[in-house]
PDB file of all heavy atoms in Angstrom:
ATOM      1  N   THR A   1       0.888  -1.185   0.026  1.00  0.00           N
ATOM      2  CA  THR A   1      -0.018  -0.036  -0.031  1.00  0.00           C
ATOM      3  C   THR A   1       0.904   1.205  -0.029  1.00  0.00           C
ATOM      4  O   THR A   1       1.951   1.193   0.640  1.00  0.00           O
ATOM      5  CB  THR A   1      -0.914   0.022   1.222  1.00  0.00           C
ATOM      6  OG1 THR A   1      -0.139   0.054   2.394  1.00  0.00           O
ATOM      7  CG2 THR A   1      -1.860  -1.103   1.267  1.00  0.00           C
ATOM      8  N   GLU A   2       0.521   2.222  -0.715  1.00  0.00           N
ATOM      9  CA  GLU A   2       1.308   3.449  -0.783  1.00  0.00           C
ATOM     10  C   GLU A   2       0.447   4.556  -1.376  1.00  0.00           C
ATOM     11  O   GLU A   2      -0.598   4.282  -1.937  1.00  0.00           O
ATOM     12  CB  GLU A   2       2.599   3.270  -1.611  1.00  0.00           C
ATOM     13  CG  GLU A   2       2.327   3.058  -3.113  1.00  0.00           C
ATOM     14  CD  GLU A   2       3.649   2.944  -3.936  1.00  0.00           C
ATOM     15  OE1 GLU A   2       4.528   3.830  -3.747  1.00  0.00           O
ATOM     16  OE2 GLU A   2       3.705   2.133  -4.807  1.00  0.00           O
ATOM     17  N   THR A   3       0.990   5.745  -1.298  1.00  0.00           N
ATOM     18  CA  THR A   3       0.378   6.851  -2.015  1.00  0.00           C
ATOM     19  C   THR A   3       0.899   6.880  -3.449  1.00  0.00           C
ATOM     20  O   THR A   3       2.142   6.838  -3.608  1.00  0.00           O
ATOM     21  CB  THR A   3       0.626   8.192  -1.380  1.00  0.00           C
ATOM     22  OG1 THR A   3       0.111   8.133  -0.001  1.00  0.00           O
ATOM     23  CG2 THR A   3       0.010   9.380  -2.071  1.00  0.00           C
ATOM     24  N   PHE A   4       0.040   6.825  -4.403  1.00  0.00           N
ATOM     25  CA  PHE A   4       0.438   6.730  -5.822  1.00  0.00           C
ATOM     26  C   PHE A   4      -0.398   7.788  -6.611  1.00  0.00           C
ATOM     27  O   PHE A   4      -1.600   7.764  -6.472  1.00  0.00           O
ATOM     28  CB  PHE A   4       0.188   5.303  -6.338  1.00  0.00           C
ATOM     29  CG  PHE A   4       0.852   5.049  -7.689  1.00  0.00           C
ATOM     30  CD1 PHE A   4       2.110   4.523  -7.704  1.00  0.00           C
ATOM     31  CD2 PHE A   4       0.170   5.310  -8.868  1.00  0.00           C
ATOM     32  CE1 PHE A   4       2.693   4.204  -8.968  1.00  0.00           C
ATOM     33  CE2 PHE A   4       0.800   4.996 -10.082  1.00  0.00           C
ATOM     34  CZ  PHE A   4       2.047   4.463 -10.153  1.00  0.00           C
ATOM     35  N   ALA A   5       0.274   8.642  -7.310  1.00  0.00           N
ATOM     36  CA  ALA A   5      -0.421   9.746  -8.026  1.00  0.00           C
ATOM     37  C   ALA A   5      -1.208  10.532  -7.038  1.00  0.00           C
ATOM     38  O   ALA A   5      -2.302  11.083  -7.378  1.00  0.00           O
ATOM     39  CB  ALA A   5      -1.278   9.201  -9.144  1.00  0.00           C
ATOM     40  N   GLY A   6      -0.737  10.645  -5.804  1.00  0.00           N
ATOM     41  CA  GLY A   6      -1.459  11.476  -4.791  1.00  0.00           C
ATOM     42  C   GLY A   6      -2.661  10.761  -4.185  1.00  0.00           C
ATOM     43  O   GLY A   6      -3.377  11.382  -3.379  1.00  0.00           O
ATOM     44  N   GLN A   7      -2.890   9.542  -4.546  1.00  0.00           N
ATOM     45  CA  GLN A   7      -4.030   8.765  -4.049  1.00  0.00           C
ATOM     46  C   GLN A   7      -3.610   7.544  -3.255  1.00  0.00           C
ATOM     47  O   GLN A   7      -2.576   6.947  -3.541  1.00  0.00           O
ATOM     48  CB  GLN A   7      -4.907   8.252  -5.242  1.00  0.00           C
ATOM     49  CG  GLN A   7      -5.285   9.353  -6.219  1.00  0.00           C
ATOM     50  CD  GLN A   7      -6.166  10.399  -5.576  1.00  0.00           C
ATOM     51  OE1 GLN A   7      -7.071  10.075  -4.849  1.00  0.00           O
ATOM     52  NE2 GLN A   7      -5.858  11.649  -5.842  1.00  0.00           N
ATOM     53  N   PRO A   8      -4.378   7.153  -2.255  1.00  0.00           N
ATOM     54  CA  PRO A   8      -4.099   5.885  -1.538  1.00  0.00           C
ATOM     55  C   PRO A   8      -4.251   4.770  -2.572  1.00  0.00           C
ATOM     56  O   PRO A   8      -5.219   4.673  -3.329  1.00  0.00           O
ATOM     57  CB  PRO A   8      -5.198   5.790  -0.493  1.00  0.00           C
ATOM     58  CG  PRO A   8      -5.820   7.080  -0.410  1.00  0.00           C
ATOM     59  CD  PRO A   8      -5.611   7.806  -1.660  1.00  0.00           C
ATOM     60  N   SER A   9      -3.236   3.865  -2.646  1.00  0.00           N
ATOM     61  CA  SER A   9      -3.286   2.763  -3.538  1.00  0.00           C
ATOM     62  C   SER A   9      -2.975   1.441  -2.861  1.00  0.00           C
ATOM     63  O   SER A   9      -2.333   1.405  -1.802  1.00  0.00           O
ATOM     64  CB  SER A   9      -2.341   2.991  -4.698  1.00  0.00           C
ATOM     65  OG  SER A   9      -0.970   2.757  -4.278  1.00  0.00           O
ATOM     66  N   VAL A  10      -3.363   0.320  -3.496  1.00  0.00           N
ATOM     67  CA  VAL A  10      -2.991  -0.972  -3.118  1.00  0.00           C
ATOM     68  C   VAL A  10      -2.366  -1.623  -4.330  1.00  0.00           C
ATOM     69  O   VAL A  10      -2.545  -1.186  -5.463  1.00  0.00           O
ATOM     70  CB  VAL A  10      -4.167  -1.839  -2.607  1.00  0.00           C
ATOM     71  CG1 VAL A  10      -4.815  -1.183  -1.415  1.00  0.00           C
ATOM     72  CG2 VAL A  10      -5.206  -2.097  -3.698  1.00  0.00           C
ATOM     73  N   GLY A  11      -1.612  -2.670  -4.136  1.00  0.00           N
ATOM     74  CA  GLY A  11      -0.997  -3.366  -5.269  1.00  0.00           C
ATOM     75  C   GLY A  11      -0.040  -4.491  -4.841  1.00  0.00           C
ATOM     76  O   GLY A  11      -0.107  -4.935  -3.724  1.00  0.00           O
ATOM     77  N   HIS A  12       0.774  -4.792  -5.797  1.00  0.00           N
ATOM     78  CA  HIS A  12       1.717  -5.918  -5.624  1.00  0.00           C
ATOM     79  C   HIS A  12       3.062  -5.593  -6.300  1.00  0.00           C
ATOM     80  O   HIS A  12       3.066  -4.997  -7.412  1.00  0.00           O
ATOM     81  CB  HIS A  12       1.182  -7.215  -6.247  1.00  0.00           C
ATOM     82  CG  HIS A  12      -0.151  -7.631  -5.658  1.00  0.00           C
ATOM     83  ND1 HIS A  12      -0.326  -8.225  -4.476  1.00  0.00           N
ATOM     84  CD2 HIS A  12      -1.408  -7.372  -6.162  1.00  0.00           C
ATOM     85  CE1 HIS A  12      -1.604  -8.401  -4.236  1.00  0.00           C
ATOM     86  NE2 HIS A  12      -2.270  -7.861  -5.199  1.00  0.00           N
ATOM     87  N   ASP A  13       4.143  -5.950  -5.681  1.00  0.00           N
ATOM     88  CA  ASP A  13       5.498  -5.923  -6.313  1.00  0.00           C
ATOM     89  C   ASP A  13       5.772  -7.384  -6.670  1.00  0.00           C
ATOM     90  O   ASP A  13       5.758  -8.253  -5.783  1.00  0.00           O
ATOM     91  CB  ASP A  13       6.558  -5.371  -5.321  1.00  0.00           C
ATOM     92  CG  ASP A  13       6.362  -3.908  -5.052  1.00  0.00           C
ATOM     93  OD1 ASP A  13       5.800  -3.181  -5.922  1.00  0.00           O
ATOM     94  OD2 ASP A  13       6.713  -3.431  -3.993  1.00  0.00           O
ATOM     95  N   VAL A  14       5.998  -7.623  -7.936  1.00  0.00           N
ATOM     96  CA  VAL A  14       6.085  -8.982  -8.446  1.00  0.00           C
ATOM     97  C   VAL A  14       7.440  -9.216  -9.117  1.00  0.00           C
ATOM     98  O   VAL A  14       7.958  -8.321  -9.797  1.00  0.00           O
ATOM     99  CB  VAL A  14       4.974  -9.224  -9.482  1.00  0.00           C
ATOM    100  CG1 VAL A  14       4.981 -10.636 -10.010  1.00  0.00           C
ATOM    101  CG2 VAL A  14       3.598  -8.886  -8.913  1.00  0.00           C
ATOM    102  N   ARG A  15       7.951 -10.401  -8.949  1.00  0.00           N
ATOM    103  CA  ARG A  15       9.222 -10.842  -9.614  1.00  0.00           C
ATOM    104  C   ARG A  15       8.947 -12.259 -10.207  1.00  0.00           C
ATOM    105  O   ARG A  15       8.375 -13.089  -9.538  1.00  0.00           O
ATOM    106  CB  ARG A  15      10.401 -10.896  -8.633  1.00  0.00           C
ATOM    107  CG  ARG A  15      10.763  -9.504  -8.118  1.00  0.00           C
ATOM    108  CD  ARG A  15      11.387  -9.499  -6.739  1.00  0.00           C
ATOM    109  NE  ARG A  15      10.707 -10.270  -5.726  1.00  0.00           N
ATOM    110  CZ  ARG A  15       9.603  -9.883  -5.040  1.00  0.00           C
ATOM    111  NH1 ARG A  15       9.062  -8.713  -5.287  1.00  0.00           N
ATOM    112  NH2 ARG A  15       9.023 -10.611  -4.098  1.00  0.00           N
ATOM    113  N   PHE A  16       9.418 -12.398 -11.451  1.00  0.00           N
ATOM    114  CA  PHE A  16       9.310 -13.713 -12.054  1.00  0.00           C
ATOM    115  C   PHE A  16      10.377 -13.860 -13.132  1.00  0.00           C
ATOM    116  O   PHE A  16      10.968 -12.881 -13.548  1.00  0.00           O
ATOM    117  CB  PHE A  16       7.887 -13.893 -12.680  1.00  0.00           C
ATOM    118  CG  PHE A  16       7.557 -12.902 -13.791  1.00  0.00           C
ATOM    119  CD1 PHE A  16       7.816 -13.193 -15.064  1.00  0.00           C
ATOM    120  CD2 PHE A  16       6.923 -11.693 -13.406  1.00  0.00           C
ATOM    121  CE1 PHE A  16       7.496 -12.234 -16.066  1.00  0.00           C
ATOM    122  CE2 PHE A  16       6.597 -10.784 -14.372  1.00  0.00           C
ATOM    123  CZ  PHE A  16       6.894 -11.066 -15.733  1.00  0.00           C
ATOM    124  N   PHE A  17      10.630 -15.149 -13.519  1.00  0.00           N
ATOM    125  CA  PHE A  17      11.604 -15.385 -14.578  1.00  0.00           C
ATOM    126  C   PHE A  17      10.902 -15.670 -15.860  1.00  0.00           C
ATOM    127  O   PHE A  17       9.885 -16.328 -15.991  1.00  0.00           O
ATOM    128  CB  PHE A  17      12.461 -16.652 -14.211  1.00  0.00           C
ATOM    129  CG  PHE A  17      13.390 -16.398 -13.066  1.00  0.00           C
ATOM    130  CD1 PHE A  17      13.028 -16.851 -11.761  1.00  0.00           C
ATOM    131  CD2 PHE A  17      14.584 -15.739 -13.210  1.00  0.00           C
ATOM    132  CE1 PHE A  17      13.848 -16.644 -10.702  1.00  0.00           C
ATOM    133  CE2 PHE A  17      15.384 -15.500 -12.147  1.00  0.00           C
ATOM    134  CZ  PHE A  17      15.067 -15.965 -10.914  1.00  0.00           C
ATOM    135  N   SER A  18      11.485 -15.082 -16.947  1.00  0.00           N
ATOM    136  CA  SER A  18      11.013 -15.294 -18.306  1.00  0.00           C
ATOM    137  C   SER A  18      12.221 -15.162 -19.224  1.00  0.00           C
ATOM    138  O   SER A  18      12.980 -14.182 -19.165  1.00  0.00           O
ATOM    139  CB  SER A  18       9.942 -14.258 -18.713  1.00  0.00           C
ATOM    140  OG  SER A  18       9.517 -14.420 -20.010  1.00  0.00           O
ATOM    141  N   LEU A  19      12.382 -16.172 -20.069  1.00  0.00           N
ATOM    142  CA  LEU A  19      13.526 -16.165 -21.036  1.00  0.00           C
ATOM    143  C   LEU A  19      14.857 -15.966 -20.256  1.00  0.00           C
ATOM    144  O   LEU A  19      15.750 -15.183 -20.688  1.00  0.00           O
ATOM    145  CB  LEU A  19      13.318 -15.113 -22.086  1.00  0.00           C
ATOM    146  CG  LEU A  19      12.064 -15.256 -22.891  1.00  0.00           C
ATOM    147  CD1 LEU A  19      11.956 -14.061 -23.853  1.00  0.00           C
ATOM    148  CD2 LEU A  19      12.059 -16.516 -23.683  1.00  0.00           C
ATOM    149  N   ASP A  20      15.009 -16.610 -19.097  1.00  0.00           N
ATOM    150  CA  ASP A  20      16.242 -16.538 -18.266  1.00  0.00           C
ATOM    151  C   ASP A  20      16.507 -15.176 -17.753  1.00  0.00           C
ATOM    152  O   ASP A  20      17.655 -14.922 -17.316  1.00  0.00           O
ATOM    153  CB  ASP A  20      17.449 -17.093 -19.012  1.00  0.00           C
ATOM    154  CG  ASP A  20      17.344 -18.564 -19.358  1.00  0.00           C
ATOM    155  OD1 ASP A  20      16.707 -19.302 -18.576  1.00  0.00           O
ATOM    156  OD2 ASP A  20      17.853 -18.994 -20.396  1.00  0.00           O
ATOM    157  N   LEU A  21      15.568 -14.303 -17.727  1.00  0.00           N
ATOM    158  CA  LEU A  21      15.705 -12.963 -17.154  1.00  0.00           C
ATOM    159  C   LEU A  21      14.723 -12.791 -15.983  1.00  0.00           C
ATOM    160  O   LEU A  21      13.636 -13.313 -15.992  1.00  0.00           O
ATOM    161  CB  LEU A  21      15.423 -11.906 -18.211  1.00  0.00           C
ATOM    162  CG  LEU A  21      16.331 -11.880 -19.384  1.00  0.00           C
ATOM    163  CD1 LEU A  21      15.858 -10.879 -20.448  1.00  0.00           C
ATOM    164  CD2 LEU A  21      17.824 -11.521 -19.021  1.00  0.00           C
ATOM    165  N   THR A  22      15.184 -11.993 -14.965  1.00  0.00           N
ATOM    166  CA  THR A  22      14.271 -11.672 -13.900  1.00  0.00           C
ATOM    167  C   THR A  22      13.473 -10.429 -14.338  1.00  0.00           C
ATOM    168  O   THR A  22      14.103  -9.468 -14.803  1.00  0.00           O
ATOM    169  CB  THR A  22      15.137 -11.277 -12.625  1.00  0.00           C
ATOM    170  OG1 THR A  22      15.923 -12.398 -12.269  1.00  0.00           O
ATOM    171  CG2 THR A  22      14.171 -10.908 -11.514  1.00  0.00           C
ATOM    172  N   ASN A  23      12.220 -10.532 -14.249  1.00  0.00           N
ATOM    173  CA  ASN A  23      11.333  -9.470 -14.551  1.00  0.00           C
ATOM    174  C   ASN A  23      10.695  -8.901 -13.300  1.00  0.00           C
ATOM    175  O   ASN A  23      10.333  -9.631 -12.400  1.00  0.00           O
ATOM    176  CB  ASN A  23      10.192  -9.925 -15.428  1.00  0.00           C
ATOM    177  CG  ASN A  23      10.659 -10.212 -16.853  1.00  0.00           C
ATOM    178  OD1 ASN A  23      10.631  -9.371 -17.749  1.00  0.00           O
ATOM    179  ND2 ASN A  23      11.250 -11.379 -17.098  1.00  0.00           N
ATOM    180  N   THR A  24      10.570  -7.613 -13.198  1.00  0.00           N
ATOM    181  CA  THR A  24       9.984  -6.950 -12.084  1.00  0.00           C
ATOM    182  C   THR A  24       8.714  -6.232 -12.580  1.00  0.00           C
ATOM    183  O   THR A  24       8.757  -5.484 -13.576  1.00  0.00           O
ATOM    184  CB  THR A  24      10.887  -5.912 -11.450  1.00  0.00           C
ATOM    185  OG1 THR A  24      12.105  -6.577 -11.064  1.00  0.00           O
ATOM    186  CG2 THR A  24      10.275  -5.221 -10.273  1.00  0.00           C
ATOM    187  N   CYS A  25       7.610  -6.470 -11.928  1.00  0.00           N
ATOM    188  CA  CYS A  25       6.361  -5.875 -12.330  1.00  0.00           C
ATOM    189  C   CYS A  25       5.783  -5.195 -11.068  1.00  0.00           C
ATOM    190  O   CYS A  25       5.712  -5.767 -10.004  1.00  0.00           O
ATOM    191  CB  CYS A  25       5.439  -6.967 -12.785  1.00  0.00           C
ATOM    192  SG  CYS A  25       3.798  -6.385 -13.282  1.00  0.00           S
ATOM    193  N   ARG A  26       5.329  -3.962 -11.287  1.00  0.00           N
ATOM    194  CA  ARG A  26       4.666  -3.224 -10.143  1.00  0.00           C
ATOM    195  C   ARG A  26       3.195  -2.999 -10.608  1.00  0.00           C
ATOM    196  O   ARG A  26       2.879  -2.506 -11.667  1.00  0.00           O
ATOM    197  CB  ARG A  26       5.309  -1.856 -10.012  1.00  0.00           C
ATOM    198  CG  ARG A  26       6.702  -1.898  -9.399  1.00  0.00           C
ATOM    199  CD  ARG A  26       7.258  -0.524  -9.151  1.00  0.00           C
ATOM    200  NE  ARG A  26       6.357   0.222  -8.302  1.00  0.00           N
ATOM    201  CZ  ARG A  26       6.449   1.566  -8.178  1.00  0.00           C
ATOM    202  NH1 ARG A  26       7.274   2.237  -8.882  1.00  0.00           N
ATOM    203  NH2 ARG A  26       5.666   2.203  -7.355  1.00  0.00           N
ATOM    204  N   ILE A  27       2.299  -3.460  -9.738  1.00  0.00           N
ATOM    205  CA  ILE A  27       0.883  -3.314  -9.922  1.00  0.00           C
ATOM    206  C   ILE A  27       0.362  -2.355  -8.894  1.00  0.00           C
ATOM    207  O   ILE A  27       0.606  -2.573  -7.666  1.00  0.00           O
ATOM    208  CB  ILE A  27       0.160  -4.673  -9.782  1.00  0.00           C
ATOM    209  CG1 ILE A  27       0.699  -5.683 -10.814  1.00  0.00           C
ATOM    210  CG2 ILE A  27      -1.362  -4.546  -9.886  1.00  0.00           C
ATOM    211  CD1 ILE A  27       0.278  -7.128 -10.522  1.00  0.00           C
ATOM    212  N   ARG A  28      -0.399  -1.312  -9.259  1.00  0.00           N
ATOM    213  CA  ARG A  28      -0.993  -0.361  -8.348  1.00  0.00           C
ATOM    214  C   ARG A  28      -2.386  -0.097  -8.823  1.00  0.00           C
ATOM    215  O   ARG A  28      -2.650   0.084 -10.042  1.00  0.00           O
ATOM    216  CB  ARG A  28      -0.191   0.955  -8.276  1.00  0.00           C
ATOM    217  CG  ARG A  28       1.277   0.778  -7.786  1.00  0.00           C
ATOM    218  CD  ARG A  28       1.310   0.322  -6.361  1.00  0.00           C
ATOM    219  NE  ARG A  28       2.665   0.272  -5.862  1.00  0.00           N
ATOM    220  CZ  ARG A  28       3.487  -0.812  -5.946  1.00  0.00           C
ATOM    221  NH1 ARG A  28       3.061  -1.886  -6.535  1.00  0.00           N
ATOM    222  NH2 ARG A  28       4.732  -0.734  -5.446  1.00  0.00           N
ATOM    223  N   SER A  29      -3.296   0.067  -7.870  1.00  0.00           N
ATOM    224  CA  SER A  29      -4.687   0.407  -8.216  1.00  0.00           C
ATOM    225  C   SER A  29      -5.167   1.445  -7.199  1.00  0.00           C
ATOM    226  O   SER A  29      -4.833   1.403  -5.972  1.00  0.00           O
ATOM    227  CB  SER A  29      -5.575  -0.807  -8.120  1.00  0.00           C
ATOM    228  OG  SER A  29      -6.905  -0.512  -8.532  1.00  0.00           O
ATOM    229  N   PHE A  30      -5.905   2.448  -7.734  1.00  0.00           N
ATOM    230  CA  PHE A  30      -6.412   3.529  -6.870  1.00  0.00           C
ATOM    231  C   PHE A  30      -7.692   4.111  -7.518  1.00  0.00           C
ATOM    232  O   PHE A  30      -8.000   3.807  -8.666  1.00  0.00           O
ATOM    233  CB  PHE A  30      -5.343   4.618  -6.665  1.00  0.00           C
ATOM    234  CG  PHE A  30      -4.761   5.185  -7.974  1.00  0.00           C
ATOM    235  CD1 PHE A  30      -5.415   6.308  -8.553  1.00  0.00           C
ATOM    236  CD2 PHE A  30      -3.692   4.588  -8.573  1.00  0.00           C
ATOM    237  CE1 PHE A  30      -4.866   6.784  -9.724  1.00  0.00           C
ATOM    238  CE2 PHE A  30      -3.181   5.102  -9.706  1.00  0.00           C
ATOM    239  CZ  PHE A  30      -3.768   6.218 -10.287  1.00  0.00           C
ATOM    240  N   ARG A  31      -8.362   4.926  -6.814  1.00  0.00           N
ATOM    241  CA  ARG A  31      -9.619   5.589  -7.291  1.00  0.00           C
ATOM    242  C   ARG A  31      -9.360   7.002  -7.740  1.00  0.00           C
ATOM    243  O   ARG A  31      -8.485   7.722  -7.146  1.00  0.00           O
ATOM    244  CB  ARG A  31     -10.640   5.592  -6.175  1.00  0.00           C
ATOM    245  CG  ARG A  31     -11.147   4.254  -5.773  1.00  0.00           C
ATOM    246  CD  ARG A  31     -12.546   4.160  -6.212  1.00  0.00           C
ATOM    247  NE  ARG A  31     -13.086   2.921  -5.613  1.00  0.00           N
ATOM    248  CZ  ARG A  31     -14.029   2.212  -6.160  1.00  0.00           C
ATOM    249  NH1 ARG A  31     -14.549   2.588  -7.224  1.00  0.00           N
ATOM    250  NH2 ARG A  31     -14.430   1.102  -5.548  1.00  0.00           N
ATOM    251  N   THR A  32     -10.140   7.389  -8.710  1.00  0.00           N
ATOM    252  CA  THR A  32     -10.156   8.813  -9.171  1.00  0.00           C
ATOM    253  C   THR A  32     -11.589   9.213  -9.349  1.00  0.00           C
ATOM    254  O   THR A  32     -12.484   8.331  -9.218  1.00  0.00           O
ATOM    255  CB  THR A  32      -9.413   9.052 -10.485  1.00  0.00           C
ATOM    256  OG1 THR A  32     -10.198   8.497 -11.560  1.00  0.00           O
ATOM    257  CG2 THR A  32      -8.025   8.420 -10.488  1.00  0.00           C
ATOM    258  N   ALA A  33     -11.829  10.448  -9.628  1.00  0.00           N
ATOM    259  CA  ALA A  33     -13.200  10.905  -9.855  1.00  0.00           C
ATOM    260  C   ALA A  33     -13.810  10.175 -11.082  1.00  0.00           C
ATOM    261  O   ALA A  33     -15.027   9.957 -11.156  1.00  0.00           O
ATOM    262  CB  ALA A  33     -13.223  12.444 -10.145  1.00  0.00           C
ATOM    263  N   ALA A  34     -12.955   9.736 -12.032  1.00  0.00           N
ATOM    264  CA  ALA A  34     -13.433   9.085 -13.237  1.00  0.00           C
ATOM    265  C   ALA A  34     -13.660   7.614 -13.091  1.00  0.00           C
ATOM    266  O   ALA A  34     -14.368   6.994 -13.876  1.00  0.00           O
ATOM    267  CB  ALA A  34     -12.471   9.345 -14.395  1.00  0.00           C
ATOM    268  N   GLY A  35     -13.080   7.005 -12.053  1.00  0.00           N
ATOM    269  CA  GLY A  35     -13.289   5.531 -11.893  1.00  0.00           C
ATOM    270  C   GLY A  35     -12.051   4.911 -11.175  1.00  0.00           C
ATOM    271  O   GLY A  35     -11.283   5.619 -10.502  1.00  0.00           O
ATOM    272  N   THR A  36     -11.955   3.612 -11.317  1.00  0.00           N
ATOM    273  CA  THR A  36     -10.811   2.833 -10.700  1.00  0.00           C
ATOM    274  C   THR A  36      -9.674   2.751 -11.728  1.00  0.00           C
ATOM    275  O   THR A  36      -9.926   2.401 -12.884  1.00  0.00           O
ATOM    276  CB  THR A  36     -11.295   1.516 -10.257  1.00  0.00           C
ATOM    277  OG1 THR A  36     -12.468   1.660  -9.397  1.00  0.00           O
ATOM    278  CG2 THR A  36     -10.212   0.756  -9.449  1.00  0.00           C
ATOM    279  N   VAL A  37      -8.500   3.014 -11.269  1.00  0.00           N
ATOM    280  CA  VAL A  37      -7.317   2.990 -12.194  1.00  0.00           C
ATOM    281  C   VAL A  37      -6.386   1.844 -11.786  1.00  0.00           C
ATOM    282  O   VAL A  37      -6.171   1.608 -10.587  1.00  0.00           O
ATOM    283  CB  VAL A  37      -6.515   4.307 -12.106  1.00  0.00           C
ATOM    284  CG1 VAL A  37      -5.315   4.270 -12.900  1.00  0.00           C
ATOM    285  CG2 VAL A  37      -7.463   5.457 -12.487  1.00  0.00           C
ATOM    286  N   LEU A  38      -5.893   1.177 -12.809  1.00  0.00           N
ATOM    287  CA  LEU A  38      -4.872   0.122 -12.588  1.00  0.00           C
ATOM    288  C   LEU A  38      -3.623   0.604 -13.362  1.00  0.00           C
ATOM    289  O   LEU A  38      -3.723   0.955 -14.584  1.00  0.00           O
ATOM    290  CB  LEU A  38      -5.296  -1.194 -13.146  1.00  0.00           C
ATOM    291  CG  LEU A  38      -4.280  -2.350 -13.050  1.00  0.00           C
ATOM    292  CD1 LEU A  38      -4.116  -2.776 -11.631  1.00  0.00           C
ATOM    293  CD2 LEU A  38      -4.646  -3.502 -13.919  1.00  0.00           C
ATOM    294  N   VAL A  39      -2.462   0.600 -12.768  1.00  0.00           N
ATOM    295  CA  VAL A  39      -1.215   0.907 -13.362  1.00  0.00           C
ATOM    296  C   VAL A  39      -0.289  -0.305 -13.191  1.00  0.00           C
ATOM    297  O   VAL A  39      -0.132  -0.811 -12.089  1.00  0.00           O
ATOM    298  CB  VAL A  39      -0.540   2.138 -12.691  1.00  0.00           C
ATOM    299  CG1 VAL A  39       0.836   2.460 -13.350  1.00  0.00           C
ATOM    300  CG2 VAL A  39      -1.400   3.381 -12.805  1.00  0.00           C
ATOM    301  N   LEU A  40       0.229  -0.752 -14.305  1.00  0.00           N
ATOM    302  CA  LEU A  40       1.114  -1.938 -14.288  1.00  0.00           C
ATOM    303  C   LEU A  40       2.352  -1.557 -15.094  1.00  0.00           C
ATOM    304  O   LEU A  40       2.277  -1.149 -16.236  1.00  0.00           O
ATOM    305  CB  LEU A  40       0.385  -3.152 -14.945  1.00  0.00           C
ATOM    306  CG  LEU A  40       1.134  -4.444 -14.873  1.00  0.00           C
ATOM    307  CD1 LEU A  40       0.126  -5.595 -14.771  1.00  0.00           C
ATOM    308  CD2 LEU A  40       2.030  -4.650 -16.100  1.00  0.00           C
ATOM    309  N   SER A  41       3.560  -1.721 -14.456  1.00  0.00           N
ATOM    310  CA  SER A  41       4.791  -1.485 -15.170  1.00  0.00           C
ATOM    311  C   SER A  41       5.628  -2.739 -15.068  1.00  0.00           C
ATOM    312  O   SER A  41       5.584  -3.448 -14.050  1.00  0.00           O
ATOM    313  CB  SER A  41       5.510  -0.225 -14.611  1.00  0.00           C
ATOM    314  OG  SER A  41       5.866  -0.481 -13.268  1.00  0.00           O
ATOM    315  N   GLN A  42       6.430  -3.001 -16.166  1.00  0.00           N
ATOM    316  CA  GLN A  42       7.251  -4.196 -16.151  1.00  0.00           C
ATOM    317  C   GLN A  42       8.545  -3.956 -16.872  1.00  0.00           C
ATOM    318  O   GLN A  42       8.534  -3.291 -17.895  1.00  0.00           O
ATOM    319  CB  GLN A  42       6.541  -5.314 -16.862  1.00  0.00           C
ATOM    320  CG  GLN A  42       7.241  -6.653 -16.765  1.00  0.00           C
ATOM    321  CD  GLN A  42       6.412  -7.783 -17.365  1.00  0.00           C
ATOM    322  OE1 GLN A  42       5.211  -7.920 -16.988  1.00  0.00           O
ATOM    323  NE2 GLN A  42       6.983  -8.570 -18.205  1.00  0.00           N
ATOM    324  N   VAL A  43       9.644  -4.434 -16.300  1.00  0.00           N
ATOM    325  CA  VAL A  43      10.960  -4.321 -16.872  1.00  0.00           C
ATOM    326  C   VAL A  43      11.815  -5.568 -16.491  1.00  0.00           C
ATOM    327  O   VAL A  43      11.597  -6.159 -15.392  1.00  0.00           O
ATOM    328  CB  VAL A  43      11.657  -3.010 -16.290  1.00  0.00           C
ATOM    329  CG1 VAL A  43      11.859  -3.051 -14.828  1.00  0.00           C
ATOM    330  CG2 VAL A  43      12.891  -2.671 -17.092  1.00  0.00           C
ATOM    331  N   ASN A  44      12.773  -5.887 -17.328  1.00  0.00           N
ATOM    332  CA  ASN A  44      13.606  -7.016 -16.989  1.00  0.00           C
ATOM    333  C   ASN A  44      14.912  -6.501 -16.406  1.00  0.00           C
ATOM    334  O   ASN A  44      15.222  -5.286 -16.498  1.00  0.00           O
ATOM    335  CB  ASN A  44      13.834  -7.991 -18.180  1.00  0.00           C
ATOM    336  CG  ASN A  44      14.686  -7.406 -19.262  1.00  0.00           C
ATOM    337  OD1 ASN A  44      15.736  -6.892 -19.014  1.00  0.00           O
ATOM    338  ND2 ASN A  44      14.232  -7.536 -20.479  1.00  0.00           N
TER     339      ASN A  44
END
């Protein structure tokens, strides 16, 4: 849980192997006036 884009958010920090590389994925979700937002970023 953290403040993300100025909003309280929940999510997961994820690590997994693909093609012999470690991948890191950040999942965050929070509310805005327009609806529920999901942000997912991934890098090896």
